[in-house]
C-alpha atoms as a PDB file:
ATOM      1  CA  MET A   1      55.406 107.003   2.229  1.00  0.00           C
ATOM      2  CA  ARG A   2      56.423 109.879  -0.016  1.00  0.00           C
ATOM      3  CA  LYS A   3      59.691 110.258   1.885  1.00  0.00           C
ATOM      4  CA  ARG A   4      60.386 106.541   1.537  1.00  0.00           C
ATOM      5  CA  ASN A   5      59.732 106.660  -2.214  1.00  0.00           C
ATOM      6  CA  LEU A   6      61.954 109.716  -2.538  1.00  0.00           C
ATOM      7  CA  LEU A   7      64.736 107.974  -0.630  1.00  0.00           C
ATOM      8  CA  LEU A   8      64.405 104.877  -2.829  1.00  0.00           C
ATOM      9  CA  PHE A   9      64.526 107.040  -5.944  1.00  0.00           C
ATOM     10  CA  LEU A  10      67.677 108.806  -4.765  1.00  0.00           C
ATOM     11  CA  LEU A  11      69.374 105.498  -3.953  1.00  0.00           C
ATOM     12  CA  LEU A  12      68.558 104.069  -7.387  1.00  0.00           C
ATOM     13  CA  ALA A  13      69.760 107.240  -9.082  1.00  0.00           C
ATOM     14  CA  ALA A  14      73.029 107.131  -7.153  1.00  0.00           C
ATOM     15  CA  PHE A  15      73.538 103.466  -8.096  1.00  0.00           C
ATOM     16  CA  ALA A  16      72.908 104.234 -11.758  1.00  0.00           C
ATOM     17  CA  TRP A  17      75.410 107.113 -11.646  1.00  0.00           C
ATOM     18  CA  VAL A  18      78.114 104.934 -10.102  1.00  0.00           C
ATOM     19  CA  SER A  19      77.478 102.197 -12.680  1.00  0.00           C
ATOM     20  CA  ALA A  20      77.758 104.692 -15.503  1.00  0.00           C
ATOM     21  CA  CYS A  21      81.076 105.926 -14.129  1.00  0.00           C
ATOM     22  CA  ASP A  22      82.578 102.433 -13.963  1.00  0.00           C
ATOM     23  CA  ASP A  23      84.987 102.454 -16.887  1.00  0.00           C
ATOM     24  CA  GLY A  24      85.742  98.742 -16.841  1.00  0.00           C
ATOM     25  CA  GLY A  25      89.468  99.384 -16.555  1.00  0.00           C
ATOM     26  CA  ASP A  26      89.850 101.606 -19.608  1.00  0.00           C
ATOM     27  CA  PRO A  27      92.203 104.453 -18.641  1.00  0.00           C
ATOM     28  CA  ALA A  28      90.241 106.742 -20.937  1.00  0.00           C
ATOM     29  CA  ASN A  29      86.997 106.188 -18.989  1.00  0.00           C
ATOM     30  CA  ASN A  30      85.302 104.803 -22.078  1.00  0.00           C
ATOM     31  CA  GLY A  31      84.481 101.324 -20.859  1.00  0.00           C
ATOM     32  CA  ASN A  32      81.520 100.781 -23.190  1.00  0.00           C
ATOM     33  CA  THR A  33      82.942  99.499 -26.464  1.00  0.00           C
ATOM     34  CA  ASP A  34      79.575  98.483 -27.939  1.00  0.00           C
ATOM     35  CA  CYS A  35      78.889 100.821 -30.837  1.00  0.00           C
ATOM     36  CA  THR A  36      75.986 100.980 -33.255  1.00  0.00           C
ATOM     37  CA  THR A  37      76.924 100.287 -36.886  1.00  0.00           C
ATOM     38  CA  PRO A  38      78.537 102.131 -38.636  1.00  0.00           C
ATOM     39  CA  GLU A  39      80.118 103.660 -35.536  1.00  0.00           C
ATOM     40  CA  VAL A  40      83.592 102.535 -34.450  1.00  0.00           C
ATOM     41  CA  TYR A  41      84.937 102.569 -30.903  1.00  0.00           C
ATOM     42  CA  PHE A  42      88.154 104.418 -30.095  1.00  0.00           C
ATOM     43  CA  PRO A  43      89.760 104.709 -26.654  1.00  0.00           C
ATOM     44  CA  GLU A  44      89.556 108.289 -25.322  1.00  0.00           C
ATOM     45  CA  TYR A  45      86.810 109.107 -27.848  1.00  0.00           C
ATOM     46  CA  GLY A  46      84.135 106.436 -27.551  1.00  0.00           C
ATOM     47  CA  CYS A  47      81.941 105.613 -30.557  1.00  0.00           C
ATOM     48  CA  LEU A  48      82.587 107.685 -33.690  1.00  0.00           C
ATOM     49  CA  SER A  49      80.962 107.729 -37.104  1.00  0.00           C
ATOM     50  CA  ASP A  50      83.153 110.331 -38.811  1.00  0.00           C
ATOM     51  CA  GLY A  51      86.297 112.396 -38.431  1.00  0.00           C
ATOM     52  CA  PHE A  52      88.649 109.423 -38.658  1.00  0.00           C
ATOM     53  CA  ALA A  53      90.259 106.802 -40.881  1.00  0.00           C
ATOM     54  CA  ASP A  54      91.396 103.538 -39.313  1.00  0.00           C
ATOM     55  CA  ASN A  55      92.762 100.876 -41.653  1.00  0.00           C
ATOM     56  CA  ASP A  56      92.702  98.121 -39.076  1.00  0.00           C
ATOM     57  CA  ARG A  57      91.986  94.437 -39.646  1.00  0.00           C
ATOM     58  CA  GLU A  58      89.499  92.108 -37.978  1.00  0.00           C
ATOM     59  CA  TYR A  59      92.443  89.983 -36.857  1.00  0.00           C
ATOM     60  CA  ASP A  60      95.329  90.859 -34.541  1.00  0.00           C
ATOM     61  CA  TRP A  61      98.419  92.097 -36.371  1.00  0.00           C
ATOM     62  CA  TYR A  62     100.158  94.274 -33.781  1.00  0.00           C
ATOM     63  CA  LEU A  63     103.611  93.010 -32.762  1.00  0.00           C
ATOM     64  CA  THR A  64     106.187  94.097 -30.206  1.00  0.00           C
ATOM     65  CA  GLN A  65     109.937  93.784 -30.677  1.00  0.00           C
ATOM     66  CA  MET A  66     110.232  92.385 -27.141  1.00  0.00           C
ATOM     67  CA  GLY A  67     111.320  88.752 -27.202  1.00  0.00           C
ATOM     68  CA  THR A  68     112.349  88.751 -30.860  1.00  0.00           C
ATOM     69  CA  GLY A  69     115.872  87.452 -30.280  1.00  0.00           C
ATOM     70  CA  PRO A  70     119.374  88.763 -29.532  1.00  0.00           C
ATOM     71  CA  ALA A  71     118.700  91.925 -31.566  1.00  0.00           C
ATOM     72  CA  GLU A  72     115.360  92.741 -29.905  1.00  0.00           C
ATOM     73  CA  GLY A  73     116.604  96.176 -28.831  1.00  0.00           C
ATOM     74  CA  SER A  74     117.200  97.186 -32.452  1.00  0.00           C
ATOM     75  CA  ASN A  75     114.374  95.206 -34.050  1.00  0.00           C
ATOM     76  CA  CYS A  76     111.916  98.039 -34.616  1.00  0.00           C
ATOM     77  CA  GLY A  77     112.549  97.761 -38.378  1.00  0.00           C
ATOM     78  CA  PRO A  78     112.047  94.001 -38.748  1.00  0.00           C
ATOM     79  CA  THR A  79     109.055  94.155 -36.384  1.00  0.00           C
ATOM     80  CA  SER A  80     107.436  96.936 -38.409  1.00  0.00           C
ATOM     81  CA  VAL A  81     107.978  94.873 -41.559  1.00  0.00           C
ATOM     82  CA  ALA A  82     106.394  91.836 -39.884  1.00  0.00           C
ATOM     83  CA  MET A  83     103.332  93.950 -39.049  1.00  0.00           C
ATOM     84  CA  ALA A  84     103.161  95.273 -42.612  1.00  0.00           C
ATOM     85  CA  LEU A  85     103.281  91.728 -44.004  1.00  0.00           C
ATOM     86  CA  ARG A  86     100.497  90.547 -41.682  1.00  0.00           C
ATOM     87  CA  TRP A  87      98.364  93.588 -42.399  1.00  0.00           C
ATOM     88  CA  PHE A  88      98.617  92.984 -46.141  1.00  0.00           C
ATOM     89  CA  ASP A  89      98.145  89.208 -45.921  1.00  0.00           C
ATOM     90  CA  GLN A  90      96.759  87.525 -42.804  1.00  0.00           C
ATOM     91  CA  GLY A  91      98.590  84.334 -43.700  1.00  0.00           C
ATOM     92  CA  GLN A  92     101.976  86.046 -43.923  1.00  0.00           C
ATOM     93  CA  THR A  93     103.057  85.343 -40.338  1.00  0.00           C
ATOM     94  CA  VAL A  94     106.805  85.563 -40.816  1.00  0.00           C
ATOM     95  CA  SER A  95     108.676  85.905 -37.529  1.00  0.00           C
ATOM     96  CA  VAL A  96     110.706  89.007 -36.763  1.00  0.00           C
ATOM     97  CA  GLY A  97     113.816  86.866 -36.322  1.00  0.00           C
ATOM     98  CA  THR A  98     113.367  85.281 -39.742  1.00  0.00           C
ATOM     99  CA  ILE A  99     112.996  88.690 -41.372  1.00  0.00           C
ATOM    100  CA  ARG A 100     116.198  89.976 -39.765  1.00  0.00           C
ATOM    101  CA  ASP A 101     118.197  86.817 -40.474  1.00  0.00           C
ATOM    102  CA  THR A 102     117.073  86.757 -44.114  1.00  0.00           C
ATOM    103  CA  ILE A 103     117.861  90.395 -44.911  1.00  0.00           C
ATOM    104  CA  THR A 104     120.836  91.033 -42.602  1.00  0.00           C
ATOM    105  CA  PRO A 105     122.178  87.593 -41.617  1.00  0.00           C
ATOM    106  CA  GLY A 106     124.513  87.580 -38.645  1.00  0.00           C
ATOM    107  CA  GLU A 107     123.912  91.252 -37.837  1.00  0.00           C
ATOM    108  CA  THR A 108     122.264  92.666 -34.705  1.00  0.00           C
ATOM    109  CA  GLY A 109     122.458  96.405 -35.409  1.00  0.00           C
ATOM    110  CA  TRP A 110     119.915  99.035 -36.334  1.00  0.00           C
ATOM    111  CA  TRP A 111     118.122  98.735 -39.662  1.00  0.00           C
ATOM    112  CA  TYR A 112     118.110 101.138 -42.606  1.00  0.00           C
ATOM    113  CA  THR A 113     115.306 101.990 -45.009  1.00  0.00           C
ATOM    114  CA  ASN A 114     116.960  99.967 -47.787  1.00  0.00           C
ATOM    115  CA  ASN A 115     116.652  96.923 -45.498  1.00  0.00           C
ATOM    116  CA  ILE A 116     112.924  97.669 -45.258  1.00  0.00           C
ATOM    117  CA  GLU A 117     112.701  97.799 -49.060  1.00  0.00           C
ATOM    118  CA  ALA A 118     114.528  94.495 -49.396  1.00  0.00           C
ATOM    119  CA  ALA A 119     112.261  92.785 -46.858  1.00  0.00           C
ATOM    120  CA  LEU A 120     109.007  94.026 -48.377  1.00  0.00           C
ATOM    121  CA  THR A 121     110.200  92.947 -51.821  1.00  0.00           C
ATOM    122  CA  ASN A 122     111.402  89.557 -50.592  1.00  0.00           C
ATOM    123  CA  TRP A 123     107.983  88.689 -49.143  1.00  0.00           C
ATOM    124  CA  GLY A 124     106.002  90.097 -52.048  1.00  0.00           C
ATOM    125  CA  THR A 125     104.299  92.943 -50.201  1.00  0.00           C
ATOM    126  CA  PRO A 126     103.640  95.818 -52.619  1.00  0.00           C
ATOM    127  CA  TYR A 127     104.606  99.305 -51.531  1.00  0.00           C
ATOM    128  CA  ALA A 128     105.326 102.758 -52.861  1.00  0.00           C
ATOM    129  CA  MET A 129     107.797 105.232 -51.435  1.00  0.00           C
ATOM    130  CA  ARG A 130     106.342 108.733 -51.045  1.00  0.00           C
ATOM    131  CA  ALA A 131     107.696 112.147 -50.119  1.00  0.00           C
ATOM    132  CA  ALA A 132     106.375 113.138 -46.703  1.00  0.00           C
ATOM    133  CA  SER A 133     103.830 115.925 -46.367  1.00  0.00           C
ATOM    134  CA  GLU A 134     100.670 116.194 -44.327  1.00  0.00           C
ATOM    135  CA  GLN A 135      98.521 115.902 -47.439  1.00  0.00           C
ATOM    136  CA  ALA A 136     100.432 112.883 -48.762  1.00  0.00           C
ATOM    137  CA  VAL A 137     100.209 111.080 -45.415  1.00  0.00           C
ATOM    138  CA  LEU A 138      96.496 111.733 -44.960  1.00  0.00           C
ATOM    139  CA  ASP A 139      95.698 110.886 -48.590  1.00  0.00           C
ATOM    140  CA  ALA A 140      97.449 107.526 -48.236  1.00  0.00           C
ATOM    141  CA  LEU A 141      95.531 106.739 -45.054  1.00  0.00           C
ATOM    142  CA  ASP A 142      92.242 107.875 -46.578  1.00  0.00           C
ATOM    143  CA  ARG A 143      92.672 105.481 -49.493  1.00  0.00           C
ATOM    144  CA  GLY A 144      93.040 102.560 -47.100  1.00  0.00           C
ATOM    145  CA  SER A 145      96.788 102.063 -46.819  1.00  0.00           C
ATOM    146  CA  VAL A 146      99.011 101.761 -43.777  1.00  0.00           C
ATOM    147  CA  LEU A 147     102.379 103.499 -43.647  1.00  0.00           C
ATOM    148  CA  LEU A 148     105.779 102.367 -42.457  1.00  0.00           C
ATOM    149  CA  ILE A 149     107.767 105.394 -41.318  1.00  0.00           C
ATOM    150  CA  CYS A 150     111.227 106.180 -39.945  1.00  0.00           C
ATOM    151  CA  ILE A 151     111.243 109.087 -37.471  1.00  0.00           C
ATOM    152  CA  THR A 152     113.093 110.457 -34.470  1.00  0.00           C
ATOM    153  CA  MET A 153     111.071 109.994 -31.295  1.00  0.00           C
ATOM    154  CA  GLY A 154     112.595 113.094 -29.713  1.00  0.00           C
ATOM    155  CA  GLU A 155     110.029 115.178 -31.624  1.00  0.00           C
ATOM    156  CA  ILE A 156     107.114 113.216 -30.128  1.00  0.00           C
ATOM    157  CA  THR A 157     105.758 114.454 -26.793  1.00  0.00           C
ATOM    158  CA  GLN A 158     106.380 112.008 -23.953  1.00  0.00           C
ATOM    159  CA  ALA A 159     103.339 111.212 -21.792  1.00  0.00           C
ATOM    160  CA  THR A 160     103.681 111.980 -18.077  1.00  0.00           C
ATOM    161  CA  ASP A 161     101.798 108.822 -17.084  1.00  0.00           C
ATOM    162  CA  PRO A 162     101.637 106.557 -20.166  1.00  0.00           C
ATOM    163  CA  ARG A 163      99.348 103.936 -18.594  1.00  0.00           C
ATOM    164  CA  GLU A 164      96.665 106.547 -17.959  1.00  0.00           C
ATOM    165  CA  THR A 165      96.313 107.702 -21.544  1.00  0.00           C
ATOM    166  CA  HIS A 166      96.425 106.547 -25.161  1.00  0.00           C
ATOM    167  CA  PHE A 167      98.095 109.792 -26.249  1.00  0.00           C
ATOM    168  CA  ASP A 168     101.803 110.515 -26.862  1.00  0.00           C
ATOM    169  CA  ARG A 169     105.067 108.599 -26.543  1.00  0.00           C
ATOM    170  CA  PHE A 170     105.059 106.019 -23.753  1.00  0.00           C
ATOM    171  CA  TYR A 171     108.820 105.545 -23.248  1.00  0.00           C
ATOM    172  CA  GLY A 172     112.029 107.519 -22.779  1.00  0.00           C
ATOM    173  CA  TYR A 173     113.873 106.528 -25.973  1.00  0.00           C
ATOM    174  CA  ASP A 174     114.120 109.606 -28.192  1.00  0.00           C
ATOM    175  CA  SER A 175     116.054 108.773 -31.364  1.00  0.00           C
ATOM    176  CA  GLY A 176     115.531 106.990 -34.711  1.00  0.00           C
ATOM    177  CA  HIS A 177     112.690 104.492 -34.852  1.00  0.00           C
ATOM    178  CA  PHE A 178     110.508 102.543 -37.305  1.00  0.00           C
ATOM    179  CA  LEU A 179     106.772 102.180 -36.696  1.00  0.00           C
ATOM    180  CA  ILE A 180     103.444 101.744 -38.481  1.00  0.00           C
ATOM    181  CA  VAL A 181     100.805 104.437 -39.020  1.00  0.00           C
ATOM    182  CA  LYS A 182      97.380 102.910 -39.591  1.00  0.00           C
ATOM    183  CA  GLY A 183      94.980 105.834 -39.402  1.00  0.00           C
ATOM    184  CA  HIS A 184      94.082 109.294 -38.163  1.00  0.00           C
ATOM    185  CA  ILE A 185      91.473 110.606 -35.725  1.00  0.00           C
ATOM    186  CA  ASP A 186      89.963 113.815 -34.356  1.00  0.00           C
ATOM    187  CA  ASN A 187      89.828 115.343 -37.832  1.00  0.00           C
ATOM    188  CA  ALA A 188      93.455 114.357 -38.460  1.00  0.00           C
ATOM    189  CA  ARG A 189      94.796 116.014 -35.317  1.00  0.00           C
ATOM    190  CA  TRP A 190      96.259 112.662 -34.252  1.00  0.00           C
ATOM    191  CA  LEU A 191      97.761 109.716 -36.136  1.00  0.00           C
ATOM    192  CA  ILE A 192      96.929 106.189 -34.956  1.00  0.00           C
ATOM    193  CA  VAL A 193     100.117 104.141 -34.762  1.00  0.00           C
ATOM    194  CA  HIS A 194     101.335 100.636 -34.007  1.00  0.00           C
ATOM    195  CA  ASP A 195     104.588 101.318 -32.159  1.00  0.00           C
ATOM    196  CA  PRO A 196     106.656  98.129 -31.639  1.00  0.00           C
ATOM    197  CA  ASN A 197     108.850  99.622 -28.862  1.00  0.00           C
ATOM    198  CA  ASN A 198     106.705  97.892 -26.232  1.00  0.00           C
ATOM    199  CA  TRP A 199     108.371  96.091 -23.317  1.00  0.00           C
ATOM    200  CA  GLN A 200     107.516  94.128 -20.195  1.00  0.00           C
ATOM    201  CA  PHE A 201     105.963  96.977 -18.231  1.00  0.00           C
ATOM    202  CA  ASP A 202     104.379  98.803 -21.174  1.00  0.00           C
ATOM    203  CA  TYR A 203     100.858  97.448 -20.709  1.00  0.00           C
ATOM    204  CA  TYR A 204      97.587  98.889 -19.452  1.00  0.00           C
ATOM    205  CA  ASP A 205      96.794  95.711 -17.549  1.00  0.00           C
ATOM    206  CA  ASP A 206      98.730  93.436 -15.206  1.00  0.00           C
ATOM    207  CA  ALA A 207      97.891  90.424 -17.394  1.00  0.00           C
ATOM    208  CA  LEU A 208      99.972  91.995 -20.198  1.00  0.00           C
ATOM    209  CA  THR A 209      97.233  91.744 -22.815  1.00  0.00           C
ATOM    210  CA  GLN A 210      96.796  95.457 -23.634  1.00  0.00           C
ATOM    211  CA  PRO A 211     100.084  96.902 -24.954  1.00  0.00           C
ATOM    212  CA  LEU A 212     100.598 100.656 -24.793  1.00  0.00           C
ATOM    213  CA  GLY A 213     102.041 100.644 -28.316  1.00  0.00           C
ATOM    214  CA  GLU A 214      98.932  99.250 -30.001  1.00  0.00           C
ATOM    215  CA  SER A 215      96.717 101.925 -31.579  1.00  0.00           C
ATOM    216  CA  ARG A 216      98.599 104.739 -29.823  1.00  0.00           C
ATOM    217  CA  TYR A 217      97.852 108.352 -30.745  1.00  0.00           C
ATOM    218  CA  TYR A 218     100.745 110.601 -31.834  1.00  0.00           C
ATOM    219  CA  ARG A 219     100.191 114.218 -32.827  1.00  0.00           C
ATOM    220  CA  THR A 220     100.085 114.595 -36.605  1.00  0.00           C
ATOM    221  CA  SER A 221     102.059 117.842 -36.494  1.00  0.00           C
ATOM    222  CA  GLU A 222     104.830 116.240 -34.423  1.00  0.00           C
ATOM    223  CA  VAL A 223     105.083 113.158 -36.621  1.00  0.00           C
ATOM    224  CA  LEU A 224     105.367 115.351 -39.720  1.00  0.00           C
ATOM    225  CA  THR A 225     108.039 117.467 -38.042  1.00  0.00           C
ATOM    226  CA  SER A 226     109.893 114.319 -37.028  1.00  0.00           C
ATOM    227  CA  MET A 227     109.745 112.940 -40.563  1.00  0.00           C
ATOM    228  CA  GLY A 228     111.165 116.199 -41.881  1.00  0.00           C
ATOM    229  CA  VAL A 229     114.022 116.119 -39.386  1.00  0.00           C
ATOM    230  CA  TRP A 230     114.899 112.426 -39.730  1.00  0.00           C
ATOM    231  CA  TRP A 231     113.715 110.874 -43.030  1.00  0.00           C
ATOM    232  CA  PRO A 232     111.204 112.876 -45.099  1.00  0.00           C
ATOM    233  CA  TYR A 233     109.642 109.895 -46.882  1.00  0.00           C
ATOM    234  CA  PHE A 234     107.375 106.984 -46.048  1.00  0.00           C
ATOM    235  CA  PHE A 235     106.449 103.541 -47.306  1.00  0.00           C
ATOM    236  CA  GLU A 236     102.815 103.220 -48.351  1.00  0.00           C
ATOM    237  CA  ILE A 237     101.987  99.542 -47.881  1.00  0.00           C
ATOM    238  CA  GLY A 238      99.706  97.504 -50.105  1.00  0.00           C
ATOM    239  CA  VAL A 239      99.345  99.903 -53.026  1.00  0.00           C
ATOM    240  CA  SER A 240      98.865  98.739 -56.598  1.00  0.00           C
ATOM    241  CA  ASP A 241     100.631 101.723 -58.195  1.00  0.00           C
ATOM    242  CA  ALA A 242     104.092 100.832 -56.941  1.00  0.00           C
ATOM    243  CA  THR A 243     105.498 101.815 -60.336  1.00  0.00           C
ATOM    244  CA  LYS A 244     104.919 105.444 -59.285  1.00  0.00           C
ATOM    245  CA  SER A 245     107.149 105.005 -56.255  1.00  0.00           C
ATOM    246  CA  LEU A 246     109.994 107.482 -55.798  1.00  0.00           C
ATOM    247  CA  ARG A 247     113.408 106.297 -56.945  1.00  0.00           C
ATOM    248  CA  ASN A 248     116.909 107.007 -55.640  1.00  0.00           C
ATOM    249  CA  VAL A 249     115.636 108.081 -52.235  1.00  0.00           C
ATOM    250  CA  PRO A 250     118.341 108.805 -49.629  1.00  0.00           C
ATOM    251  CA  VAL A 251     118.700 106.024 -47.076  1.00  0.00           C
ATOM    252  CA  GLY A 252     117.307 106.594 -43.587  1.00  0.00           C
ATOM    253  CA  ARG A 253     117.979 104.597 -40.434  1.00  0.00           C
ATOM    254  CA  SER A 254     116.716 103.788 -36.977  1.00  0.00           C
ATOM    255  CA  GLY A 255     118.899 104.094 -33.892  1.00  0.00           C
ATOM    256  CA  PRO A 256     120.766 106.996 -32.272  1.00  0.00           C
END
């Protein structure tokens, strides 16, 4: 009888271990997303209560430039603006195509930072332009803002197997690019970004519902280096002290 009970115990223990290891499809092996308030769930990390800032919304505001019209390949700027508008105002659901056609009608080329300024102003989204430094970036995120940045992706480490991780660049393109920074994690070791350069095969799941570019982690040090190399400023979105924004800032651009 004792042997039978021992065998039953071992079987139950093995079943419990297998169940605990079932990650529910999350490549980070953190399938349990149920956290106790005030904890927040993050892929790769699980439930956290400190060491992060994530200025997300309760509604979906991530967008990809895929399918945004004839200029989709160069629409990282308009797509980043569309995300900034939605983040600031849930009802501001302006299409990427409308943003491009309004600011640069008839053009399909890469965008410049002055186009970003014009678009944010046109749709009444307050912003301030800041000089890039680690402290300035983290301070802006810690006060609840999101950032629109223009960097060169060649400074961002490329993941070996992007679908198996939430860390690092998930594509081969390595030149100028606009994207959104919405937070930091792991005591500011990583920045949490919404990267719009997400295409047909850039999903964690076959149903194409979990884009690799949504809430991706890029190394803070690499993003700061990239900003310094490409365009050493950033747009802080949604601030009320826009009058303190830098003036006469050199124009930056996306593209090669």
